[in-house]
C-alpha atoms as a PDB file:
ATOM      1  CA  UNK A   1      -9.390 -13.545  -4.792  1.00  0.00           C
ATOM      2  CA  UNK A   2      -7.741 -10.329  -5.981  1.00  0.00           C
ATOM      3  CA  UNK A   3     -10.911  -8.441  -7.226  1.00  0.00           C
ATOM      4  CA  UNK A   4     -12.664  -9.200  -3.961  1.00  0.00           C
ATOM      5  CA  UNK A   5      -9.489  -8.236  -1.855  1.00  0.00           C
ATOM      6  CA  UNK A   6      -9.534  -4.785  -3.956  1.00  0.00           C
ATOM      7  CA  UNK A   7     -13.186  -4.307  -3.079  1.00  0.00           C
ATOM      8  CA  UNK A   8     -12.599  -4.821   0.461  1.00  0.00           C
ATOM      9  CA  UNK A   9      -9.445  -2.786   0.468  1.00  0.00           C
ATOM     10  CA  UNK A  10     -11.336   0.300  -1.579  1.00  0.00           C
ATOM     11  CA  UNK A  11     -14.479   0.055   0.802  1.00  0.00           C
ATOM     12  CA  UNK A  12     -12.644  -0.201   3.911  1.00  0.00           C
ATOM     13  CA  UNK A  13     -10.354   2.799   3.144  1.00  0.00           C
ATOM     14  CA  UNK A  14     -13.296   5.018   3.368  1.00  0.00           C
ATOM     15  CA  UNK A  15     -13.617   3.976   7.068  1.00  0.00           C
ATOM     16  CA  UNK A  16      -9.884   3.568   8.208  1.00  0.00           C
ATOM     17  CA  UNK A  17      -9.594   4.903  11.668  1.00  0.00           C
ATOM     18  CA  UNK A  18     -12.847   6.998  11.132  1.00  0.00           C
ATOM     19  CA  UNK A  19     -14.919   7.956  14.056  1.00  0.00           C
ATOM     20  CA  UNK A  20     -17.290   5.283  15.431  1.00  0.00           C
ATOM     21  CA  UNK A  21     -20.352   7.368  14.660  1.00  0.00           C
ATOM     22  CA  UNK A  22     -19.337   7.700  10.889  1.00  0.00           C
ATOM     23  CA  UNK A  23     -18.739   4.067  10.584  1.00  0.00           C
ATOM     24  CA  UNK A  24     -22.042   3.143  12.170  1.00  0.00           C
ATOM     25  CA  UNK A  25     -23.868   5.625   9.895  1.00  0.00           C
ATOM     26  CA  UNK A  26     -22.444   4.756   6.530  1.00  0.00           C
ATOM     27  CA  UNK A  27     -21.210   1.128   6.836  1.00  0.00           C
ATOM     28  CA  UNK A  28     -24.212  -0.234   4.798  1.00  0.00           C
ATOM     29  CA  UNK A  29     -22.435  -1.219   1.564  1.00  0.00           C
ATOM     30  CA  UNK A  30     -24.689   1.253  -0.373  1.00  0.00           C
ATOM     31  CA  UNK A  31     -21.749   2.908  -1.985  1.00  0.00           C
ATOM     32  CA  UNK A  32     -17.927   3.417  -1.751  1.00  0.00           C
ATOM     33  CA  UNK A  33     -17.385   6.286   0.996  1.00  0.00           C
ATOM     34  CA  UNK A  34     -15.241   9.162   0.869  1.00  0.00           C
ATOM     35  CA  UNK A  35     -13.261   9.179   4.050  1.00  0.00           C
ATOM     36  CA  UNK A  36     -13.922  12.156   6.266  1.00  0.00           C
ATOM     37  CA  UNK A  37     -10.085  13.133   6.060  1.00  0.00           C
ATOM     38  CA  UNK A  38      -8.193  11.349   3.338  1.00  0.00           C
ATOM     39  CA  UNK A  39      -8.258  12.461  -0.354  1.00  0.00           C
ATOM     40  CA  UNK A  40      -8.318   8.967  -1.742  1.00  0.00           C
ATOM     41  CA  UNK A  41     -11.207   8.827  -4.441  1.00  0.00           C
ATOM     42  CA  UNK A  42     -13.954   6.423  -3.328  1.00  0.00           C
ATOM     43  CA  UNK A  43     -13.699   3.056  -5.079  1.00  0.00           C
ATOM     44  CA  UNK A  44      -9.927   3.359  -5.417  1.00  0.00           C
ATOM     45  CA  UNK A  45      -7.772   0.658  -3.637  1.00  0.00           C
ATOM     46  CA  UNK A  46      -4.578   1.337  -1.524  1.00  0.00           C
ATOM     47  CA  UNK A  47      -1.282  -0.321  -0.653  1.00  0.00           C
ATOM     48  CA  UNK A  48      -2.888  -3.536   0.511  1.00  0.00           C
ATOM     49  CA  UNK A  49      -4.055  -4.340  -3.083  1.00  0.00           C
ATOM     50  CA  UNK A  50      -1.163  -2.766  -4.922  1.00  0.00           C
ATOM     51  CA  UNK A  51       1.430  -4.963  -2.860  1.00  0.00           C
ATOM     52  CA  UNK A  52      -0.879  -8.013  -3.394  1.00  0.00           C
ATOM     53  CA  UNK A  53      -0.575  -7.455  -7.108  1.00  0.00           C
ATOM     54  CA  UNK A  54       3.281  -7.393  -6.713  1.00  0.00           C
ATOM     55  CA  UNK A  55       3.269 -10.734  -5.077  1.00  0.00           C
ATOM     56  CA  UNK A  56       0.725 -12.270  -7.491  1.00  0.00           C
ATOM     57  CA  UNK A  57       2.717 -11.109 -10.404  1.00  0.00           C
ATOM     58  CA  UNK A  58       5.604 -12.738  -8.909  1.00  0.00           C
ATOM     59  CA  UNK A  59       3.826 -15.886  -8.445  1.00  0.00           C
ATOM     60  CA  UNK A  60       2.398 -16.102 -11.997  1.00  0.00           C
ATOM     61  CA  UNK A  61       5.784 -15.116 -13.419  1.00  0.00           C
ATOM     62  CA  UNK A  62       7.144 -18.504 -12.413  1.00  0.00           C
ATOM     63  CA  UNK A  63      10.496 -17.048 -11.651  1.00  0.00           C
ATOM     64  CA  UNK A  64      12.663 -18.162  -8.669  1.00  0.00           C
ATOM     65  CA  UNK A  65      10.995 -17.147  -5.490  1.00  0.00           C
ATOM     66  CA  UNK A  66      13.878 -14.870  -4.104  1.00  0.00           C
ATOM     67  CA  UNK A  67      13.946 -11.648  -2.357  1.00  0.00           C
ATOM     68  CA  UNK A  68      15.317  -9.679  -5.237  1.00  0.00           C
ATOM     69  CA  UNK A  69      12.364 -10.743  -7.269  1.00  0.00           C
ATOM     70  CA  UNK A  70       9.925  -9.541  -4.712  1.00  0.00           C
ATOM     71  CA  UNK A  71      11.649  -6.332  -3.842  1.00  0.00           C
ATOM     72  CA  UNK A  72      11.851  -5.500  -7.592  1.00  0.00           C
ATOM     73  CA  UNK A  73       8.062  -6.134  -7.831  1.00  0.00           C
ATOM     74  CA  UNK A  74       7.388  -4.052  -4.901  1.00  0.00           C
ATOM     75  CA  UNK A  75       9.220  -1.008  -6.287  1.00  0.00           C
ATOM     76  CA  UNK A  76       7.941  -1.576  -9.828  1.00  0.00           C
ATOM     77  CA  UNK A  77       4.171  -1.808  -8.643  1.00  0.00           C
ATOM     78  CA  UNK A  78       4.567   1.385  -6.870  1.00  0.00           C
ATOM     79  CA  UNK A  79       6.530   3.264  -9.610  1.00  0.00           C
ATOM     80  CA  UNK A  80       4.058   2.409 -12.207  1.00  0.00           C
ATOM     81  CA  UNK A  81       1.100   3.649 -10.264  1.00  0.00           C
ATOM     82  CA  UNK A  82       2.032   5.756  -7.206  1.00  0.00           C
ATOM     83  CA  UNK A  83      -0.800   5.939  -4.810  1.00  0.00           C
ATOM     84  CA  UNK A  84      -1.705   7.011  -1.229  1.00  0.00           C
ATOM     85  CA  UNK A  85      -2.452   4.449   1.530  1.00  0.00           C
ATOM     86  CA  UNK A  86       1.063   3.504   2.321  1.00  0.00           C
ATOM     87  CA  UNK A  87       2.359   4.627   5.749  1.00  0.00           C
ATOM     88  CA  UNK A  88       4.024   8.134   5.224  1.00  0.00           C
ATOM     89  CA  UNK A  89       7.665   7.137   5.931  1.00  0.00           C
ATOM     90  CA  UNK A  90       7.357   3.971   3.678  1.00  0.00           C
ATOM     91  CA  UNK A  91       5.776   6.037   0.946  1.00  0.00           C
ATOM     92  CA  UNK A  92       8.670   8.498   1.066  1.00  0.00           C
ATOM     93  CA  UNK A  93      11.029   5.519   1.000  1.00  0.00           C
ATOM     94  CA  UNK A  94       9.380   3.802  -2.021  1.00  0.00           C
ATOM     95  CA  UNK A  95       9.484   7.292  -3.753  1.00  0.00           C
ATOM     96  CA  UNK A  96      13.188   7.547  -3.650  1.00  0.00           C
ATOM     97  CA  UNK A  97      13.966   4.030  -4.494  1.00  0.00           C
ATOM     98  CA  UNK A  98      15.305   3.173  -7.949  1.00  0.00           C
ATOM     99  CA  UNK A  99      14.903  -0.730  -7.735  1.00  0.00           C
ATOM    100  CA  UNK A 100      14.596  -3.656  -5.375  1.00  0.00           C
ATOM    101  CA  UNK A 101      18.302  -3.973  -4.645  1.00  0.00           C
ATOM    102  CA  UNK A 102      18.207  -0.539  -2.993  1.00  0.00           C
ATOM    103  CA  UNK A 103      15.110  -1.480  -1.252  1.00  0.00           C
ATOM    104  CA  UNK A 104      16.880  -4.488   0.219  1.00  0.00           C
ATOM    105  CA  UNK A 105      20.031  -2.654   1.061  1.00  0.00           C
ATOM    106  CA  UNK A 106      18.327   0.220   2.797  1.00  0.00           C
ATOM    107  CA  UNK A 107      15.255  -1.135   4.427  1.00  0.00           C
ATOM    108  CA  UNK A 108      15.113  -1.638   8.264  1.00  0.00           C
ATOM    109  CA  UNK A 109      12.441  -4.576   8.421  1.00  0.00           C
ATOM    110  CA  UNK A 110      12.056  -4.398  12.320  1.00  0.00           C
ATOM    111  CA  UNK A 111       8.080  -4.060  12.041  1.00  0.00           C
ATOM    112  CA  UNK A 112       5.282  -5.981  13.433  1.00  0.00           C
ATOM    113  CA  UNK A 113       2.692  -3.979  11.544  1.00  0.00           C
ATOM    114  CA  UNK A 114       0.392  -5.290   8.999  1.00  0.00           C
ATOM    115  CA  UNK A 115       2.269  -4.735   5.717  1.00  0.00           C
ATOM    116  CA  UNK A 116       3.367  -8.286   5.215  1.00  0.00           C
ATOM    117  CA  UNK A 117       0.059  -9.771   6.118  1.00  0.00           C
ATOM    118  CA  UNK A 118      -2.019  -7.581   3.861  1.00  0.00           C
ATOM    119  CA  UNK A 119      -0.184  -8.712   0.685  1.00  0.00           C
ATOM    120  CA  UNK A 120      -0.115 -12.440   1.682  1.00  0.00           C
ATOM    121  CA  UNK A 121      -3.413 -13.814   0.346  1.00  0.00           C
ATOM    122  CA  UNK A 122      -2.138 -14.728  -3.147  1.00  0.00           C
ATOM    123  CA  UNK A 123       0.590 -17.034  -1.718  1.00  0.00           C
ATOM    124  CA  UNK A 124      -2.177 -19.461  -0.625  1.00  0.00           C
ATOM    125  CA  UNK A 125      -2.270 -20.914  -4.024  1.00  0.00           C
ATOM    126  CA  UNK A 126       0.768 -23.056  -3.460  1.00  0.00           C
ATOM    127  CA  UNK A 127      -0.108 -26.686  -2.933  1.00  0.00           C
ATOM    128  CA  UNK A 128       1.169 -27.462   0.533  1.00  0.00           C
ATOM    129  CA  UNK A 129       1.192 -25.753   3.927  1.00  0.00           C
ATOM    130  CA  UNK A 130       4.943 -26.099   4.118  1.00  0.00           C
ATOM    131  CA  UNK A 131       5.563 -24.264   0.753  1.00  0.00           C
ATOM    132  CA  UNK A 132       2.916 -21.421   1.743  1.00  0.00           C
ATOM    133  CA  UNK A 133       4.963 -20.927   4.899  1.00  0.00           C
ATOM    134  CA  UNK A 134       8.380 -21.020   3.410  1.00  0.00           C
ATOM    135  CA  UNK A 135       7.359 -18.667   0.702  1.00  0.00           C
ATOM    136  CA  UNK A 136       5.476 -16.317   2.765  1.00  0.00           C
ATOM    137  CA  UNK A 137       8.218 -16.007   5.439  1.00  0.00           C
ATOM    138  CA  UNK A 138      10.788 -15.011   2.760  1.00  0.00           C
ATOM    139  CA  UNK A 139       8.424 -12.158   1.470  1.00  0.00           C
ATOM    140  CA  UNK A 140       7.427 -11.190   5.036  1.00  0.00           C
ATOM    141  CA  UNK A 141      11.196 -10.812   6.308  1.00  0.00           C
ATOM    142  CA  UNK A 142      11.772  -8.239   3.468  1.00  0.00           C
ATOM    143  CA  UNK A 143       9.842  -5.611   5.133  1.00  0.00           C
ATOM    144  CA  UNK A 144       8.451  -7.135   8.536  1.00  0.00           C
ATOM    145  CA  UNK A 145      11.362  -9.418   9.895  1.00  0.00           C
ATOM    146  CA  UNK A 146       9.771  -9.973  13.380  1.00  0.00           C
ATOM    147  CA  UNK A 147       8.213 -12.961  14.774  1.00  0.00           C
ATOM    148  CA  UNK A 148       4.560 -11.268  14.983  1.00  0.00           C
ATOM    149  CA  UNK A 149       4.918  -9.790  11.555  1.00  0.00           C
ATOM    150  CA  UNK A 150       6.142 -13.020  10.026  1.00  0.00           C
ATOM    151  CA  UNK A 151       3.381 -15.026  11.989  1.00  0.00           C
ATOM    152  CA  UNK A 152       0.582 -12.598  10.762  1.00  0.00           C
ATOM    153  CA  UNK A 153       1.531 -12.932   7.236  1.00  0.00           C
ATOM    154  CA  UNK A 154       1.871 -16.673   7.354  1.00  0.00           C
ATOM    155  CA  UNK A 155      -1.683 -16.851   8.872  1.00  0.00           C
ATOM    156  CA  UNK A 156      -2.997 -14.589   6.241  1.00  0.00           C
ATOM    157  CA  UNK A 157      -1.658 -16.734   3.393  1.00  0.00           C
ATOM    158  CA  UNK A 158      -2.678 -19.926   5.066  1.00  0.00           C
ATOM    159  CA  UNK A 159      -6.375 -18.663   5.238  1.00  0.00           C
ATOM    160  CA  UNK A 160      -6.606 -18.592   1.500  1.00  0.00           C
ATOM    161  CA  UNK A 161      -4.798 -21.870   1.258  1.00  0.00           C
ATOM    162  CA  UNK A 162      -7.298 -23.461   3.823  1.00  0.00           C
ATOM    163  CA  UNK A 163     -10.257 -22.537   1.585  1.00  0.00           C
ATOM    164  CA  UNK A 164      -8.870 -22.991  -1.859  1.00  0.00           C
ATOM    165  CA  UNK A 165      -7.627 -26.617  -0.962  1.00  0.00           C
ATOM    166  CA  UNK A 166     -10.646 -27.287   1.286  1.00  0.00           C
ATOM    167  CA  UNK A 167      -8.629 -28.299   4.283  1.00  0.00           C
ATOM    168  CA  UNK A 168     -11.690 -28.233   6.591  1.00  0.00           C
ATOM    169  CA  UNK A 169     -14.796 -26.254   7.478  1.00  0.00           C
ATOM    170  CA  UNK A 170     -14.982 -22.642   7.891  1.00  0.00           C
ATOM    171  CA  UNK A 171     -15.583 -23.106  11.637  1.00  0.00           C
ATOM    172  CA  UNK A 172     -12.290 -24.689  12.133  1.00  0.00           C
ATOM    173  CA  UNK A 173     -10.297 -22.142  10.365  1.00  0.00           C
ATOM    174  CA  UNK A 174      -8.857 -20.704  13.675  1.00  0.00           C
ATOM    175  CA  UNK A 175      -7.872 -24.138  14.863  1.00  0.00           C
ATOM    176  CA  UNK A 176      -6.074 -24.926  11.594  1.00  0.00           C
ATOM    177  CA  UNK A 177      -4.050 -21.705  11.910  1.00  0.00           C
ATOM    178  CA  UNK A 178      -3.174 -22.584  15.583  1.00  0.00           C
ATOM    179  CA  UNK A 179      -1.804 -25.899  14.369  1.00  0.00           C
ATOM    180  CA  UNK A 180       0.683 -24.296  11.650  1.00  0.00           C
ATOM    181  CA  UNK A 181       1.103 -20.719  13.157  1.00  0.00           C
ATOM    182  CA  UNK A 182       1.273 -21.638  16.926  1.00  0.00           C
ATOM    183  CA  UNK A 183       1.486 -19.282  20.029  1.00  0.00           C
ATOM    184  CA  UNK A 184      -1.508 -17.113  18.763  1.00  0.00           C
ATOM    185  CA  UNK A 185      -5.260 -17.355  19.675  1.00  0.00           C
ATOM    186  CA  UNK A 186      -6.494 -17.457  16.162  1.00  0.00           C
ATOM    187  CA  UNK A 187      -9.710 -19.205  16.975  1.00  0.00           C
ATOM    188  CA  UNK A 188     -10.642 -16.663  19.752  1.00  0.00           C
ATOM    189  CA  UNK A 189     -13.217 -14.187  18.600  1.00  0.00           C
ATOM    190  CA  UNK A 190     -11.741 -10.718  18.076  1.00  0.00           C
ATOM    191  CA  UNK A 191     -13.333  -7.888  20.069  1.00  0.00           C
ATOM    192  CA  UNK A 192     -12.809  -4.023  19.677  1.00  0.00           C
ATOM    193  CA  UNK A 193     -10.923  -1.749  17.430  1.00  0.00           C
ATOM    194  CA  UNK A 194      -8.190  -3.117  15.269  1.00  0.00           C
ATOM    195  CA  UNK A 195      -4.719  -1.455  15.669  1.00  0.00           C
ATOM    196  CA  UNK A 196      -1.891  -1.346  13.238  1.00  0.00           C
ATOM    197  CA  UNK A 197      -0.247  -4.626  14.255  1.00  0.00           C
ATOM    198  CA  UNK A 198      -0.624  -7.481  11.777  1.00  0.00           C
ATOM    199  CA  UNK A 199      -1.814  -9.937  14.251  1.00  0.00           C
ATOM    200  CA  UNK A 200      -4.914  -7.791  15.050  1.00  0.00           C
ATOM    201  CA  UNK A 201      -5.827  -7.406  11.522  1.00  0.00           C
ATOM    202  CA  UNK A 202      -5.650 -11.050  10.822  1.00  0.00           C
ATOM    203  CA  UNK A 203      -7.386 -12.013  13.966  1.00  0.00           C
ATOM    204  CA  UNK A 204     -10.253  -9.642  13.249  1.00  0.00           C
ATOM    205  CA  UNK A 205     -10.427 -11.245   9.668  1.00  0.00           C
ATOM    206  CA  UNK A 206     -10.747 -14.777  10.902  1.00  0.00           C
ATOM    207  CA  UNK A 207     -13.477 -13.703  13.249  1.00  0.00           C
ATOM    208  CA  UNK A 208     -15.451 -12.061  10.581  1.00  0.00           C
ATOM    209  CA  UNK A 209     -15.294 -15.146   8.383  1.00  0.00           C
ATOM    210  CA  UNK A 210     -16.146 -17.475  11.068  1.00  0.00           C
ATOM    211  CA  UNK A 211     -19.086 -15.416  12.189  1.00  0.00           C
ATOM    212  CA  UNK A 212     -20.636 -14.790   8.873  1.00  0.00           C
ATOM    213  CA  UNK A 213     -21.679 -16.887   5.904  1.00  0.00           C
ATOM    214  CA  UNK A 214     -21.754 -14.345   3.068  1.00  0.00           C
ATOM    215  CA  UNK A 215     -19.365 -11.787   1.621  1.00  0.00           C
ATOM    216  CA  UNK A 216     -21.517  -8.755   2.251  1.00  0.00           C
ATOM    217  CA  UNK A 217     -21.893  -9.494   6.046  1.00  0.00           C
ATOM    218  CA  UNK A 218     -18.252 -10.429   6.233  1.00  0.00           C
ATOM    219  CA  UNK A 219     -17.278  -6.986   4.693  1.00  0.00           C
ATOM    220  CA  UNK A 220     -19.742  -4.963   7.107  1.00  0.00           C
ATOM    221  CA  UNK A 221     -18.478  -6.837  10.048  1.00  0.00           C
ATOM    222  CA  UNK A 222     -14.823  -6.320   8.998  1.00  0.00           C
ATOM    223  CA  UNK A 223     -15.506  -2.550   8.912  1.00  0.00           C
ATOM    224  CA  UNK A 224     -17.639  -2.317  12.001  1.00  0.00           C
ATOM    225  CA  UNK A 225     -14.462  -3.291  14.003  1.00  0.00           C
ATOM    226  CA  UNK A 226     -13.210   0.118  13.296  1.00  0.00           C
ATOM    227  CA  UNK A 227      -9.443   1.037  13.247  1.00  0.00           C
ATOM    228  CA  UNK A 228      -7.324  -0.360  10.456  1.00  0.00           C
ATOM    229  CA  UNK A 229     -10.293  -1.827   8.652  1.00  0.00           C
ATOM    230  CA  UNK A 230      -9.304  -1.640   5.113  1.00  0.00           C
ATOM    231  CA  UNK A 231      -6.562  -4.163   5.925  1.00  0.00           C
ATOM    232  CA  UNK A 232      -9.059  -6.310   7.801  1.00  0.00           C
ATOM    233  CA  UNK A 233     -11.561  -6.132   4.905  1.00  0.00           C
ATOM    234  CA  UNK A 234      -8.885  -6.997   2.281  1.00  0.00           C
ATOM    235  CA  UNK A 235      -7.662 -10.025   4.117  1.00  0.00           C
ATOM    236  CA  UNK A 236     -11.139 -11.248   5.076  1.00  0.00           C
ATOM    237  CA  UNK A 237     -12.697 -10.832   1.382  1.00  0.00           C
ATOM    238  CA  UNK A 238      -9.415 -12.194  -0.198  1.00  0.00           C
ATOM    239  CA  UNK A 239      -9.728 -15.443   1.816  1.00  0.00           C
ATOM    240  CA  UNK A 240     -13.530 -15.735   1.942  1.00  0.00           C
ATOM    241  CA  UNK A 241     -13.928 -15.361  -1.688  1.00  0.00           C
ATOM    242  CA  UNK A 242     -12.321 -18.712  -1.990  1.00  0.00           C
ATOM    243  CA  UNK A 243     -14.450 -20.497   0.634  1.00  0.00           C
ATOM    244  CA  UNK A 244     -17.257 -22.756  -0.599  1.00  0.00           C
ATOM    245  CA  UNK A 245     -19.441 -22.127   2.547  1.00  0.00           C
ATOM    246  CA  UNK A 246     -19.619 -18.355   1.789  1.00  0.00           C
ATOM    247  CA  UNK A 247     -22.183 -16.775  -0.345  1.00  0.00           C
ATOM    248  CA  UNK A 248     -20.568 -14.558  -3.136  1.00  0.00           C
ATOM    249  CA  UNK A 249     -23.167 -11.757  -2.663  1.00  0.00           C
ATOM    250  CA  UNK A 250     -21.377  -8.502  -2.686  1.00  0.00           C
ATOM    251  CA  UNK A 251     -23.393  -5.762  -4.338  1.00  0.00           C
ATOM    252  CA  UNK A 252     -22.863  -5.270  -8.059  1.00  0.00           C
ATOM    253  CA  UNK A 253     -22.260  -1.803  -7.619  1.00  0.00           C
ATOM    254  CA  UNK A 254     -19.099  -2.421  -5.543  1.00  0.00           C
ATOM    255  CA  UNK A 255     -17.694  -4.144  -8.531  1.00  0.00           C
ATOM    256  CA  UNK A 256     -19.060  -1.720 -11.016  1.00  0.00           C
ATOM    257  CA  UNK A 257     -17.616   1.265  -9.206  1.00  0.00           C
ATOM    258  CA  UNK A 258     -14.146  -0.157  -8.505  1.00  0.00           C
ATOM    259  CA  UNK A 259     -11.370   1.956 -10.320  1.00  0.00           C
ATOM    260  CA  UNK A 260     -10.855   1.209 -14.024  1.00  0.00           C
ATOM    261  CA  UNK A 261      -7.477   2.406 -14.642  1.00  0.00           C
ATOM    262  CA  UNK A 262      -4.661   0.404 -16.112  1.00  0.00           C
ATOM    263  CA  UNK A 263      -4.319  -1.720 -12.840  1.00  0.00           C
ATOM    264  CA  UNK A 264      -8.033  -1.721 -11.962  1.00  0.00           C
ATOM    265  CA  UNK A 265     -10.966  -3.935 -12.457  1.00  0.00           C
ATOM    266  CA  UNK A 266      -9.911  -5.496 -15.727  1.00  0.00           C
ATOM    267  CA  UNK A 267      -6.356  -6.091 -14.740  1.00  0.00           C
ATOM    268  CA  UNK A 268      -7.314  -7.651 -11.316  1.00  0.00           C
ATOM    269  CA  UNK A 269      -9.746  -9.985 -13.064  1.00  0.00           C
ATOM    270  CA  UNK A 270      -7.261 -11.016 -15.517  1.00  0.00           C
ATOM    271  CA  UNK A 271      -4.447 -11.554 -12.800  1.00  0.00           C
ATOM    272  CA  UNK A 272      -6.976 -13.415 -10.635  1.00  0.00           C
ATOM    273  CA  UNK A 273      -7.639 -15.786 -13.456  1.00  0.00           C
ATOM    274  CA  UNK A 274      -3.999 -16.675 -13.971  1.00  0.00           C
ATOM    275  CA  UNK A 275      -3.493 -16.971 -10.314  1.00  0.00           C
ATOM    276  CA  UNK A 276      -6.174 -19.372  -9.664  1.00  0.00           C
ATOM    277  CA  UNK A 277      -5.308 -21.480 -12.570  1.00  0.00           C
ATOM    278  CA  UNK A 278      -2.100 -22.426 -10.580  1.00  0.00           C
ATOM    279  CA  UNK A 279      -4.328 -24.145  -7.865  1.00  0.00           C
ATOM    280  CA  UNK A 280      -3.776 -27.805  -7.874  1.00  0.00           C
ATOM    281  CA  UNK A 281      -7.023 -29.840  -7.570  1.00  0.00           C
END
């Protein structure tokens, strides 16, 4: 889950809000692409993966699921490995924080953007829908305490849960989400560019998964939407990697060329193993 999520994030980063012509020319999975304007190295992931790691580390720690734990993890993950990809104001905010308590006391969480959804995939390992929603809602409220921000996060977490616990066929994913995160057309195909709102990223990810039966096609489809595609790709690959109906066919070079730093490929692989051991048969 985490490894594929990071591949989607790193690959999608090369195309985030890039010109349509650039996306059409280079979105063939032949390599990680250097973004025409950003300085992030090809094959390096962004905030989507880093914050997902913070969530996953909280889960495998077994500690009480409280806002303080999560906020501490968000700050710790950033401080140990500062990287681009965060929204400018939030990057500056994290940069000056000392700990999670300061985050909780100073943040203004009135956002409906994708930050709470992009990090929600690991929460799907919890064994019941109610527990997933309860835990995901708590983490979402730290930074995105709005109805749409919370709904997008809950849907992203439930996507992973749906596949890990084999709740139904891939084609019914949208209808499942409409049952448990009502008020949003999750089953309606997404069309056009993806903006910064979390609902857009999750709906686009759902569409890419339902339309395609292998990870490589899902990744290309996620990026082809254009816009905030690293988030779409991260959510889509994180969830689809857990689906029995999806062929796990990502090109080997996307794994081989993923970053190898202290929190790169090997760390992702080990944390993935610990996380998925928590899934109850």
